[in-house]
Amino acid sequence: MAYVDGFVLAVKKDRLDEYRQIASDAADVWKEYGALRTVEAVAEDVPYGEVTSFPRAVQCQEDEVVIFSWIEYPDKETRDACNAKIMQDPRMKMDMVNGPMNAKTMIYGGFTPIVDNAGD
C-alpha cells in the first residue's frame, strides 16, 4: 500500500528561490532511492487562524512563508529504505541552522493514505 511523508515548514521569503533549488535537487535524490513523487507548494491562501492554522503551526514570522510538501512512495518499506539512504547521502547534507528554512519549527510525519482518487 502507498505511503506518504508530509511536511509543513517556514521558509524565508527572500530565500525562496534558494529553497526551491534545494528542494528540486533533493527531489531527484529521493526519486533515485525509490520515491514516486515529491511536491513542494508555497502558501497562497492560508489565513492566520485564531486557534490553529498552518502559519501558527510553524510559528511563521512576517519575513517567512509556509511550505506544504509531501513525498509519495509505493509502500512504507520503500520509504524506510529510502530515508535510511538519504541520511547517509552526502548530497543531502544541509545547513539546518543557517539555511533558508526554519528547521526548528518544521512539522513532519509518515502517513498511510485512506482515500486516493488519483487513478479515477
N, C-alpha and C. Protein backbone atom coordinates (compact mmCIF):
# COMPACT_ATOMS: atom_id res chain seq x y z
N MET A 1 0.83 -1.19 0.00
CA MET A 1 0.00 0.00 0.00
C MET A 1 0.87 1.25 0.00
N ALA A 2 0.43 2.29 -0.66
CA ALA A 2 1.18 3.55 -0.77
C ALA A 2 1.48 4.13 0.61
N TYR A 3 2.47 5.01 0.64
CA TYR A 3 2.86 5.68 1.87
C TYR A 3 3.27 7.10 1.53
N VAL A 4 3.03 8.04 2.45
CA VAL A 4 3.31 9.46 2.21
C VAL A 4 4.02 10.06 3.41
N ASP A 5 5.09 10.81 3.15
CA ASP A 5 5.69 11.65 4.18
C ASP A 5 5.19 13.06 3.93
N GLY A 6 4.74 13.74 4.98
CA GLY A 6 4.23 15.10 4.85
C GLY A 6 5.06 16.06 5.68
N PHE A 7 5.16 17.30 5.19
CA PHE A 7 5.98 18.33 5.83
C PHE A 7 5.27 19.68 5.77
N VAL A 8 5.38 20.45 6.83
CA VAL A 8 4.97 21.85 6.84
C VAL A 8 6.12 22.61 7.49
N LEU A 9 6.59 23.66 6.82
CA LEU A 9 7.72 24.41 7.34
C LEU A 9 7.65 25.86 6.90
N ALA A 10 8.44 26.69 7.57
CA ALA A 10 8.54 28.11 7.23
C ALA A 10 9.85 28.35 6.51
N VAL A 11 9.78 29.16 5.44
CA VAL A 11 10.96 29.50 4.64
C VAL A 11 11.05 31.01 4.53
N LYS A 12 12.25 31.54 4.63
CA LYS A 12 12.46 32.98 4.47
C LYS A 12 11.99 33.40 3.08
N LYS A 13 11.16 34.43 3.01
CA LYS A 13 10.64 34.89 1.72
C LYS A 13 11.76 35.28 0.76
N ASP A 14 12.78 35.94 1.27
CA ASP A 14 13.86 36.38 0.39
C ASP A 14 14.83 35.27 0.02
N ARG A 15 14.56 34.04 0.52
CA ARG A 15 15.42 32.90 0.18
C ARG A 15 14.59 31.76 -0.46
N LEU A 16 13.40 32.11 -0.93
CA LEU A 16 12.51 31.11 -1.52
C LEU A 16 13.13 30.46 -2.76
N ASP A 17 13.79 31.21 -3.59
CA ASP A 17 14.44 30.62 -4.77
C ASP A 17 15.53 29.64 -4.37
N GLU A 18 16.27 29.98 -3.33
CA GLU A 18 17.31 29.07 -2.82
C GLU A 18 16.67 27.78 -2.30
N TYR A 19 15.58 27.92 -1.55
CA TYR A 19 14.88 26.74 -1.05
C TYR A 19 14.36 25.90 -2.21
N ARG A 20 13.79 26.54 -3.23
CA ARG A 20 13.27 25.82 -4.39
C ARG A 20 14.35 24.97 -5.03
N GLN A 21 15.56 25.51 -5.16
CA GLN A 21 16.66 24.75 -5.76
C GLN A 21 17.06 23.58 -4.88
N ILE A 22 17.16 23.81 -3.58
CA ILE A 22 17.49 22.73 -2.64
C ILE A 22 16.44 21.62 -2.73
N ALA A 23 15.17 22.01 -2.73
CA ALA A 23 14.08 21.04 -2.78
C ALA A 23 14.08 20.27 -4.10
N SER A 24 14.37 20.96 -5.20
CA SER A 24 14.42 20.30 -6.50
C SER A 24 15.56 19.28 -6.56
N ASP A 25 16.72 19.66 -6.06
CA ASP A 25 17.86 18.74 -6.02
C ASP A 25 17.55 17.54 -5.12
N ALA A 26 16.94 17.81 -3.97
CA ALA A 26 16.59 16.73 -3.04
C ALA A 26 15.55 15.79 -3.64
N ALA A 27 14.61 16.33 -4.38
CA ALA A 27 13.58 15.50 -5.02
C ALA A 27 14.21 14.48 -5.96
N ASP A 28 15.24 14.89 -6.68
CA ASP A 28 15.93 13.96 -7.57
C ASP A 28 16.57 12.82 -6.79
N VAL A 29 17.15 13.13 -5.64
CA VAL A 29 17.79 12.10 -4.82
C VAL A 29 16.73 11.16 -4.25
N TRP A 30 15.62 11.72 -3.74
CA TRP A 30 14.54 10.88 -3.21
C TRP A 30 14.03 9.93 -4.29
N LYS A 31 13.85 10.44 -5.49
CA LYS A 31 13.35 9.61 -6.59
C LYS A 31 14.36 8.50 -6.93
N GLU A 32 15.64 8.86 -6.90
CA GLU A 32 16.69 7.87 -7.16
C GLU A 32 16.58 6.70 -6.17
N TYR A 33 16.18 6.99 -4.94
CA TYR A 33 16.10 5.96 -3.91
C TYR A 33 14.73 5.32 -3.76
N GLY A 34 13.79 5.65 -4.65
CA GLY A 34 12.52 4.92 -4.64
C GLY A 34 11.26 5.72 -4.47
N ALA A 35 11.35 7.02 -4.17
CA ALA A 35 10.14 7.84 -4.06
C ALA A 35 9.49 7.95 -5.44
N LEU A 36 8.16 7.99 -5.46
CA LEU A 36 7.43 8.11 -6.71
C LEU A 36 7.22 9.56 -7.12
N ARG A 37 7.06 10.43 -6.12
CA ARG A 37 6.69 11.81 -6.41
C ARG A 37 7.05 12.68 -5.20
N THR A 38 7.51 13.89 -5.50
CA THR A 38 7.77 14.88 -4.46
C THR A 38 7.08 16.18 -4.87
N VAL A 39 6.35 16.78 -3.94
CA VAL A 39 5.63 18.03 -4.22
C VAL A 39 6.02 19.05 -3.16
N GLU A 40 6.36 20.25 -3.61
CA GLU A 40 6.64 21.39 -2.73
C GLU A 40 5.68 22.51 -3.14
N ALA A 41 4.89 23.00 -2.19
CA ALA A 41 3.91 24.03 -2.51
C ALA A 41 4.05 25.20 -1.54
N VAL A 42 4.05 26.41 -2.09
CA VAL A 42 4.18 27.61 -1.27
C VAL A 42 2.79 28.14 -0.94
N ALA A 43 2.61 28.58 0.29
CA ALA A 43 1.31 29.06 0.77
C ALA A 43 0.85 30.27 -0.02
N GLU A 44 -0.43 30.26 -0.36
CA GLU A 44 -1.03 31.38 -1.06
C GLU A 44 -2.31 31.83 -0.35
N ASP A 45 -3.09 30.87 0.09
CA ASP A 45 -4.37 31.17 0.73
C ASP A 45 -4.43 30.42 2.06
N VAL A 46 -3.64 30.87 3.03
CA VAL A 46 -3.56 30.22 4.34
C VAL A 46 -3.68 31.28 5.44
N PRO A 47 -4.91 31.59 5.81
CA PRO A 47 -5.11 32.63 6.82
C PRO A 47 -4.50 32.25 8.17
N TYR A 48 -4.10 33.27 8.89
CA TYR A 48 -3.57 33.09 10.24
C TYR A 48 -4.75 32.91 11.17
N GLY A 49 -4.95 31.69 11.64
CA GLY A 49 -6.11 31.37 12.46
C GLY A 49 -6.00 31.89 13.88
N GLU A 50 -7.16 32.00 14.53
CA GLU A 50 -7.18 32.44 15.92
C GLU A 50 -6.73 31.35 16.87
N VAL A 51 -6.97 30.09 16.50
CA VAL A 51 -6.59 28.97 17.35
C VAL A 51 -5.54 28.09 16.66
N THR A 52 -5.85 27.67 15.44
CA THR A 52 -4.91 26.83 14.69
C THR A 52 -4.83 27.32 13.24
N SER A 53 -3.69 27.05 12.61
CA SER A 53 -3.51 27.36 11.20
C SER A 53 -2.11 26.88 10.80
N PHE A 54 -1.87 26.82 9.50
CA PHE A 54 -0.53 26.46 9.03
C PHE A 54 0.51 27.46 9.53
N PRO A 55 0.27 28.78 9.41
CA PRO A 55 1.28 29.71 9.92
C PRO A 55 1.55 29.56 11.41
N ARG A 56 0.50 29.36 12.19
CA ARG A 56 0.68 29.18 13.63
C ARG A 56 1.47 27.91 13.93
N ALA A 57 1.17 26.85 13.19
CA ALA A 57 1.80 25.55 13.45
C ALA A 57 3.32 25.62 13.34
N VAL A 58 3.82 26.42 12.40
CA VAL A 58 5.27 26.50 12.20
C VAL A 58 5.86 27.83 12.69
N GLN A 59 5.07 28.55 13.48
CA GLN A 59 5.50 29.82 14.06
C GLN A 59 6.06 30.76 12.98
N CYS A 60 5.33 30.84 11.87
CA CYS A 60 5.75 31.62 10.72
C CYS A 60 5.88 33.10 11.09
N GLN A 61 7.03 33.69 10.75
CA GLN A 61 7.30 35.09 11.01
C GLN A 61 6.91 35.94 9.80
N GLU A 62 6.88 37.25 9.96
CA GLU A 62 6.50 38.16 8.88
C GLU A 62 7.36 38.00 7.63
N ASP A 63 8.63 37.66 7.84
CA ASP A 63 9.56 37.53 6.71
C ASP A 63 9.64 36.10 6.17
N GLU A 64 8.67 35.25 6.55
CA GLU A 64 8.66 33.86 6.13
C GLU A 64 7.34 33.51 5.43
N VAL A 65 7.37 32.41 4.70
CA VAL A 65 6.19 31.88 4.04
C VAL A 65 6.10 30.40 4.36
N VAL A 66 4.88 29.88 4.42
CA VAL A 66 4.68 28.46 4.72
C VAL A 66 4.86 27.62 3.46
N ILE A 67 5.54 26.50 3.63
CA ILE A 67 5.68 25.49 2.58
C ILE A 67 4.98 24.23 3.06
N PHE A 68 4.17 23.65 2.18
CA PHE A 68 3.48 22.39 2.44
C PHE A 68 4.02 21.41 1.40
N SER A 69 4.55 20.30 1.84
CA SER A 69 5.13 19.37 0.88
C SER A 69 4.86 17.92 1.28
N TRP A 70 4.98 17.06 0.28
CA TRP A 70 4.84 15.64 0.56
C TRP A 70 5.66 14.83 -0.43
N ILE A 71 6.00 13.62 0.03
CA ILE A 71 6.74 12.67 -0.79
C ILE A 71 5.92 11.39 -0.81
N GLU A 72 5.66 10.87 -2.00
CA GLU A 72 4.89 9.64 -2.15
C GLU A 72 5.83 8.47 -2.44
N TYR A 73 5.52 7.33 -1.85
CA TYR A 73 6.27 6.09 -2.02
C TYR A 73 5.30 4.97 -2.38
N PRO A 74 5.80 3.89 -2.97
CA PRO A 74 4.91 2.77 -3.25
C PRO A 74 4.42 2.07 -1.98
N ASP A 75 5.24 2.12 -0.91
CA ASP A 75 4.88 1.46 0.36
C ASP A 75 5.81 1.96 1.46
N LYS A 76 5.49 1.60 2.70
CA LYS A 76 6.28 2.06 3.85
C LYS A 76 7.69 1.46 3.84
N GLU A 77 7.82 0.25 3.36
CA GLU A 77 9.15 -0.38 3.31
C GLU A 77 10.09 0.41 2.40
N THR A 78 9.57 0.83 1.25
CA THR A 78 10.38 1.65 0.34
C THR A 78 10.73 2.97 0.99
N ARG A 79 9.77 3.57 1.69
CA ARG A 79 10.02 4.84 2.39
C ARG A 79 11.12 4.68 3.43
N ASP A 80 11.04 3.61 4.24
CA ASP A 80 12.04 3.39 5.27
C ASP A 80 13.43 3.19 4.67
N ALA A 81 13.52 2.40 3.60
CA ALA A 81 14.80 2.16 2.93
C ALA A 81 15.32 3.45 2.30
N CYS A 82 14.44 4.21 1.68
CA CYS A 82 14.80 5.47 1.05
C CYS A 82 15.35 6.44 2.09
N ASN A 83 14.66 6.60 3.20
CA ASN A 83 15.10 7.53 4.23
C ASN A 83 16.44 7.13 4.84
N ALA A 84 16.68 5.83 4.99
CA ALA A 84 17.97 5.36 5.50
C ALA A 84 19.09 5.76 4.55
N LYS A 85 18.87 5.63 3.25
CA LYS A 85 19.88 6.01 2.25
C LYS A 85 20.06 7.53 2.22
N ILE A 86 18.96 8.27 2.33
CA ILE A 86 19.01 9.73 2.33
C ILE A 86 19.91 10.24 3.46
N MET A 87 19.77 9.64 4.63
CA MET A 87 20.54 10.08 5.80
C MET A 87 22.03 9.88 5.61
N GLN A 88 22.43 8.95 4.75
CA GLN A 88 23.84 8.66 4.51
C GLN A 88 24.40 9.36 3.28
N ASP A 89 23.55 9.93 2.47
CA ASP A 89 23.96 10.51 1.19
C ASP A 89 24.56 11.90 1.41
N PRO A 90 25.81 12.12 1.00
CA PRO A 90 26.44 13.44 1.20
C PRO A 90 25.74 14.57 0.44
N ARG A 91 24.99 14.25 -0.61
CA ARG A 91 24.25 15.29 -1.34
C ARG A 91 23.13 15.88 -0.49
N MET A 92 22.74 15.18 0.56
CA MET A 92 21.62 15.62 1.38
C MET A 92 22.05 16.36 2.64
N LYS A 93 23.34 16.59 2.80
CA LYS A 93 23.83 17.35 3.95
C LYS A 93 23.51 18.82 3.72
N MET A 94 22.81 19.43 4.66
CA MET A 94 22.49 20.85 4.52
C MET A 94 22.58 21.54 5.86
N ASP A 95 22.77 22.82 5.80
CA ASP A 95 22.87 23.64 7.00
C ASP A 95 21.47 23.91 7.54
N MET A 96 21.11 23.21 8.59
CA MET A 96 19.76 23.34 9.16
C MET A 96 19.63 24.57 10.05
N VAL A 97 20.72 25.24 10.33
CA VAL A 97 20.68 26.44 11.18
C VAL A 97 20.67 27.71 10.32
N ASN A 98 21.54 27.76 9.32
CA ASN A 98 21.67 28.97 8.51
C ASN A 98 21.03 28.84 7.14
N GLY A 99 20.30 27.76 6.89
CA GLY A 99 19.65 27.55 5.60
C GLY A 99 18.42 28.43 5.45
N PRO A 100 17.73 28.30 4.32
CA PRO A 100 16.57 29.15 4.05
C PRO A 100 15.32 28.77 4.84
N MET A 101 15.31 27.58 5.47
CA MET A 101 14.11 27.17 6.19
C MET A 101 14.35 27.13 7.69
N ASN A 102 13.24 27.21 8.42
CA ASN A 102 13.30 27.15 9.87
C ASN A 102 13.09 25.69 10.29
N ALA A 103 14.18 24.96 10.44
CA ALA A 103 14.11 23.53 10.77
C ALA A 103 13.56 23.29 12.18
N LYS A 104 13.69 24.28 13.06
CA LYS A 104 13.22 24.11 14.44
C LYS A 104 11.71 23.97 14.53
N THR A 105 10.99 24.60 13.61
CA THR A 105 9.53 24.57 13.70
C THR A 105 8.88 23.67 12.64
N MET A 106 9.70 22.97 11.85
CA MET A 106 9.17 22.08 10.81
C MET A 106 8.37 20.94 11.45
N ILE A 107 7.23 20.64 10.83
CA ILE A 107 6.39 19.52 11.25
C ILE A 107 6.47 18.47 10.16
N TYR A 108 6.65 17.21 10.55
CA TYR A 108 6.73 16.15 9.54
C TYR A 108 6.25 14.83 10.13
N GLY A 109 5.89 13.93 9.25
CA GLY A 109 5.46 12.61 9.69
C GLY A 109 5.10 11.73 8.51
N GLY A 110 4.94 10.46 8.78
CA GLY A 110 4.57 9.48 7.77
C GLY A 110 3.12 9.09 7.88
N PHE A 111 2.47 8.87 6.73
CA PHE A 111 1.04 8.62 6.69
C PHE A 111 0.68 7.50 5.71
N THR A 112 -0.31 6.71 6.08
CA THR A 112 -0.89 5.73 5.18
C THR A 112 -2.16 6.32 4.60
N PRO A 113 -2.25 6.46 3.28
CA PRO A 113 -3.46 7.03 2.67
C PRO A 113 -4.69 6.16 2.94
N ILE A 114 -5.82 6.81 3.16
CA ILE A 114 -7.08 6.08 3.31
C ILE A 114 -8.04 6.40 2.18
N VAL A 115 -7.77 7.48 1.44
CA VAL A 115 -8.52 7.82 0.22
C VAL A 115 -7.51 8.38 -0.78
N ASP A 116 -7.56 7.88 -2.00
CA ASP A 116 -6.68 8.37 -3.06
C ASP A 116 -7.38 8.14 -4.38
N ASN A 117 -7.87 9.20 -4.99
CA ASN A 117 -8.61 9.05 -6.24
C ASN A 117 -7.78 9.43 -7.46
N ALA A 118 -6.47 9.37 -7.36
CA ALA A 118 -5.58 9.77 -8.46
C ALA A 118 -5.83 8.92 -9.70
N GLY A 119 -6.21 7.68 -9.55
CA GLY A 119 -6.42 6.81 -10.68
C GLY A 119 -7.82 6.88 -11.26
N ASP A 120 -8.70 7.68 -10.66
CA ASP A 120 -10.10 7.76 -11.12
C ASP A 120 -10.23 8.61 -12.37
